[in-house]
Amino acid sequence: MKLPLSPEEKEKWQKQYKATTEALEAMRARELMNMTEEEAQRQIDLLCAEDPVWRERPDWSGLVEMQRLFQQATKK
């Protein structure tokens, strides 16, 4: 494909993109409507992290770390 696209080519690609997006959205909607409760729960479980994503560290400050990184950057 050559760039830049002509207005006609751009319109063609936009129409194809829209049609593909709509088809994928319709397919996903059908999948969700036909999903059993068990399958839905399994999908939700797959999204959940095993370990907590955020770990509290009361002895740590992001601001202090940022200042340290800025200080290192200015030394270079």
N, C-alpha and C. Protein backbone atom coordinates (compact mmCIF):
# COMPACT_ATOMS: atom_id res chain seq x y z
N MET A 1 0.86 -1.18 0.00
CA MET A 1 0.00 0.00 0.00
C MET A 1 0.89 1.23 0.00
N LYS A 2 0.60 2.16 -0.88
CA LYS A 2 1.38 3.38 -0.94
C LYS A 2 0.74 4.43 -0.04
N LEU A 3 1.59 5.28 0.50
CA LEU A 3 1.11 6.37 1.34
C LEU A 3 1.52 7.68 0.73
N PRO A 4 0.86 8.73 0.83
CA PRO A 4 -0.46 8.86 1.47
C PRO A 4 -1.57 8.31 0.57
N LEU A 5 -2.65 7.97 1.21
CA LEU A 5 -3.80 7.42 0.48
C LEU A 5 -4.57 8.53 -0.21
N SER A 6 -5.15 8.18 -1.33
CA SER A 6 -6.05 9.11 -2.00
C SER A 6 -7.34 9.18 -1.16
N PRO A 7 -8.13 10.23 -1.35
CA PRO A 7 -9.39 10.31 -0.60
C PRO A 7 -10.30 9.10 -0.82
N GLU A 8 -10.29 8.56 -2.05
CA GLU A 8 -11.13 7.39 -2.34
C GLU A 8 -10.62 6.16 -1.59
N GLU A 9 -9.29 5.99 -1.58
CA GLU A 9 -8.71 4.85 -0.86
C GLU A 9 -8.95 4.97 0.64
N LYS A 10 -8.81 6.18 1.15
CA LYS A 10 -9.03 6.41 2.58
C LYS A 10 -10.48 6.07 2.95
N GLU A 11 -11.43 6.51 2.12
CA GLU A 11 -12.84 6.22 2.38
C GLU A 11 -13.11 4.72 2.33
N LYS A 12 -12.47 4.04 1.36
CA LYS A 12 -12.63 2.59 1.25
C LYS A 12 -12.13 1.89 2.51
N TRP A 13 -10.94 2.27 3.00
CA TRP A 13 -10.38 1.67 4.22
C TRP A 13 -11.25 1.97 5.43
N GLN A 14 -11.78 3.20 5.51
CA GLN A 14 -12.65 3.55 6.63
C GLN A 14 -13.92 2.72 6.63
N LYS A 15 -14.51 2.53 5.47
CA LYS A 15 -15.73 1.72 5.38
C LYS A 15 -15.45 0.27 5.77
N GLN A 16 -14.32 -0.26 5.30
CA GLN A 16 -13.94 -1.64 5.63
C GLN A 16 -13.70 -1.78 7.13
N TYR A 17 -13.02 -0.80 7.72
CA TYR A 17 -12.75 -0.82 9.16
C TYR A 17 -14.06 -0.79 9.95
N LYS A 18 -14.97 0.09 9.55
CA LYS A 18 -16.26 0.19 10.25
C LYS A 18 -17.05 -1.10 10.13
N ALA A 19 -17.09 -1.68 8.93
CA ALA A 19 -17.83 -2.93 8.73
C ALA A 19 -17.23 -4.06 9.56
N THR A 20 -15.91 -4.14 9.59
CA THR A 20 -15.23 -5.18 10.38
C THR A 20 -15.50 -5.00 11.85
N THR A 21 -15.41 -3.76 12.33
CA THR A 21 -15.66 -3.47 13.74
C THR A 21 -17.08 -3.84 14.14
N GLU A 22 -18.04 -3.48 13.31
CA GLU A 22 -19.44 -3.80 13.60
C GLU A 22 -19.66 -5.31 13.63
N ALA A 23 -19.02 -6.03 12.71
CA ALA A 23 -19.17 -7.49 12.67
C ALA A 23 -18.57 -8.12 13.93
N LEU A 24 -17.40 -7.64 14.34
CA LEU A 24 -16.78 -8.19 15.54
C LEU A 24 -17.60 -7.87 16.80
N GLU A 25 -18.15 -6.65 16.87
CA GLU A 25 -18.99 -6.29 18.01
C GLU A 25 -20.24 -7.16 18.07
N ALA A 26 -20.85 -7.42 16.92
CA ALA A 26 -22.05 -8.27 16.88
C ALA A 26 -21.71 -9.70 17.30
N MET A 27 -20.57 -10.20 16.83
CA MET A 27 -20.14 -11.55 17.20
C MET A 27 -19.90 -11.64 18.71
N ARG A 28 -19.23 -10.65 19.27
CA ARG A 28 -18.96 -10.66 20.71
C ARG A 28 -20.25 -10.55 21.51
N ALA A 29 -21.20 -9.74 21.05
CA ALA A 29 -22.48 -9.62 21.73
C ALA A 29 -23.22 -10.96 21.75
N ARG A 30 -23.19 -11.69 20.60
CA ARG A 30 -23.81 -13.02 20.56
C ARG A 30 -23.14 -13.98 21.53
N GLU A 31 -21.80 -13.92 21.57
CA GLU A 31 -21.06 -14.79 22.50
C GLU A 31 -21.45 -14.50 23.94
N LEU A 32 -21.55 -13.23 24.28
CA LEU A 32 -21.91 -12.86 25.65
C LEU A 32 -23.34 -13.27 26.00
N MET A 33 -24.26 -13.11 25.05
CA MET A 33 -25.66 -13.48 25.32
C MET A 33 -25.82 -14.98 25.50
N ASN A 34 -25.00 -15.77 24.80
CA ASN A 34 -25.11 -17.22 24.87
C ASN A 34 -24.24 -17.85 25.95
N MET A 35 -23.51 -17.04 26.68
CA MET A 35 -22.60 -17.54 27.70
C MET A 35 -23.38 -18.01 28.93
N THR A 36 -22.98 -19.15 29.46
CA THR A 36 -23.60 -19.63 30.70
C THR A 36 -23.03 -18.87 31.89
N GLU A 37 -23.69 -18.98 33.02
CA GLU A 37 -23.19 -18.32 34.24
C GLU A 37 -21.81 -18.86 34.61
N GLU A 38 -21.62 -20.16 34.44
CA GLU A 38 -20.35 -20.78 34.78
C GLU A 38 -19.23 -20.24 33.88
N GLU A 39 -19.53 -20.13 32.59
CA GLU A 39 -18.53 -19.62 31.65
C GLU A 39 -18.22 -18.15 31.95
N ALA A 40 -19.24 -17.38 32.28
CA ALA A 40 -19.03 -15.97 32.62
C ALA A 40 -18.13 -15.86 33.84
N GLN A 41 -18.38 -16.68 34.86
CA GLN A 41 -17.56 -16.65 36.06
C GLN A 41 -16.12 -17.07 35.75
N ARG A 42 -15.97 -18.05 34.88
CA ARG A 42 -14.62 -18.49 34.50
C ARG A 42 -13.86 -17.37 33.79
N GLN A 43 -14.55 -16.65 32.92
CA GLN A 43 -13.92 -15.52 32.22
C GLN A 43 -13.53 -14.41 33.19
N ILE A 44 -14.39 -14.13 34.16
CA ILE A 44 -14.09 -13.12 35.18
C ILE A 44 -12.89 -13.55 36.00
N ASP A 45 -12.85 -14.82 36.38
CA ASP A 45 -11.72 -15.33 37.16
C ASP A 45 -10.41 -15.21 36.40
N LEU A 46 -10.45 -15.40 35.09
CA LEU A 46 -9.24 -15.28 34.29
C LEU A 46 -8.70 -13.84 34.27
N LEU A 47 -9.59 -12.87 34.46
CA LEU A 47 -9.18 -11.47 34.47
C LEU A 47 -8.54 -11.04 35.79
N CYS A 48 -8.84 -11.76 36.84
CA CYS A 48 -8.37 -11.37 38.17
C CYS A 48 -6.92 -11.80 38.37
N ALA A 49 -6.14 -10.92 38.96
CA ALA A 49 -4.74 -11.22 39.27
C ALA A 49 -4.68 -12.13 40.49
N GLU A 50 -3.73 -13.03 40.49
CA GLU A 50 -3.57 -13.92 41.64
C GLU A 50 -3.02 -13.16 42.83
N ASP A 51 -2.02 -12.32 42.59
CA ASP A 51 -1.44 -11.51 43.66
C ASP A 51 -2.05 -10.12 43.59
N PRO A 52 -2.11 -9.44 44.72
CA PRO A 52 -2.62 -8.08 44.67
C PRO A 52 -1.74 -7.21 43.76
N VAL A 53 -2.38 -6.42 42.93
CA VAL A 53 -1.64 -5.57 42.00
C VAL A 53 -0.94 -4.45 42.76
N TRP A 54 -1.59 -3.92 43.76
CA TRP A 54 -1.04 -2.81 44.54
C TRP A 54 -0.65 -3.31 45.92
N ARG A 55 0.58 -3.09 46.27
CA ARG A 55 1.04 -3.46 47.60
C ARG A 55 1.37 -2.20 48.37
N GLU A 56 0.76 -2.06 49.51
CA GLU A 56 1.01 -0.89 50.35
C GLU A 56 2.42 -0.94 50.92
N ARG A 57 3.12 0.16 50.81
CA ARG A 57 4.43 0.29 51.41
C ARG A 57 4.46 1.63 52.16
N PRO A 58 4.14 1.62 53.43
CA PRO A 58 4.07 2.89 54.16
C PRO A 58 5.42 3.59 54.27
N ASP A 59 6.52 2.86 54.08
CA ASP A 59 7.84 3.47 54.20
C ASP A 59 8.36 4.00 52.86
N TRP A 60 7.51 4.08 51.85
CA TRP A 60 7.94 4.47 50.52
C TRP A 60 7.09 5.60 49.98
N SER A 61 7.74 6.56 49.32
CA SER A 61 7.02 7.67 48.73
C SER A 61 7.36 7.76 47.25
N GLY A 62 6.38 7.76 46.41
CA GLY A 62 6.62 7.90 44.98
C GLY A 62 7.27 9.23 44.65
N LEU A 63 6.93 10.27 45.41
CA LEU A 63 7.51 11.59 45.17
C LEU A 63 9.01 11.56 45.42
N VAL A 64 9.42 10.92 46.49
CA VAL A 64 10.85 10.83 46.80
C VAL A 64 11.58 10.07 45.70
N GLU A 65 10.99 8.98 45.23
CA GLU A 65 11.59 8.20 44.15
C GLU A 65 11.70 9.05 42.88
N MET A 66 10.67 9.81 42.57
CA MET A 66 10.69 10.66 41.39
C MET A 66 11.79 11.71 41.50
N GLN A 67 11.94 12.32 42.67
CA GLN A 67 12.99 13.31 42.87
C GLN A 67 14.38 12.68 42.68
N ARG A 68 14.54 11.44 43.15
CA ARG A 68 15.81 10.74 43.00
C ARG A 68 16.11 10.52 41.51
N LEU A 69 15.11 10.11 40.75
CA LEU A 69 15.29 9.89 39.32
C LEU A 69 15.62 11.18 38.59
N PHE A 70 14.95 12.28 38.96
CA PHE A 70 15.24 13.57 38.33
C PHE A 70 16.66 14.01 38.66
N GLN A 71 17.10 13.78 39.89
CA GLN A 71 18.44 14.15 40.30
C GLN A 71 19.49 13.38 39.48
N GLN A 72 19.23 12.09 39.28
CA GLN A 72 20.15 11.28 38.48
C GLN A 72 20.19 11.79 37.03
N ALA A 73 19.04 12.16 36.50
CA ALA A 73 18.97 12.61 35.12
C ALA A 73 19.74 13.92 34.92
N THR A 74 19.73 14.79 35.90
CA THR A 74 20.42 16.08 35.75
C THR A 74 21.92 15.92 35.89
N LYS A 75 22.39 14.85 36.51
CA LYS A 75 23.83 14.62 36.65
C LYS A 75 24.47 14.16 35.35
N LYS A 76 23.67 13.63 34.44
CA LYS A 76 24.22 13.09 33.17
C LYS A 76 24.58 14.16 32.21
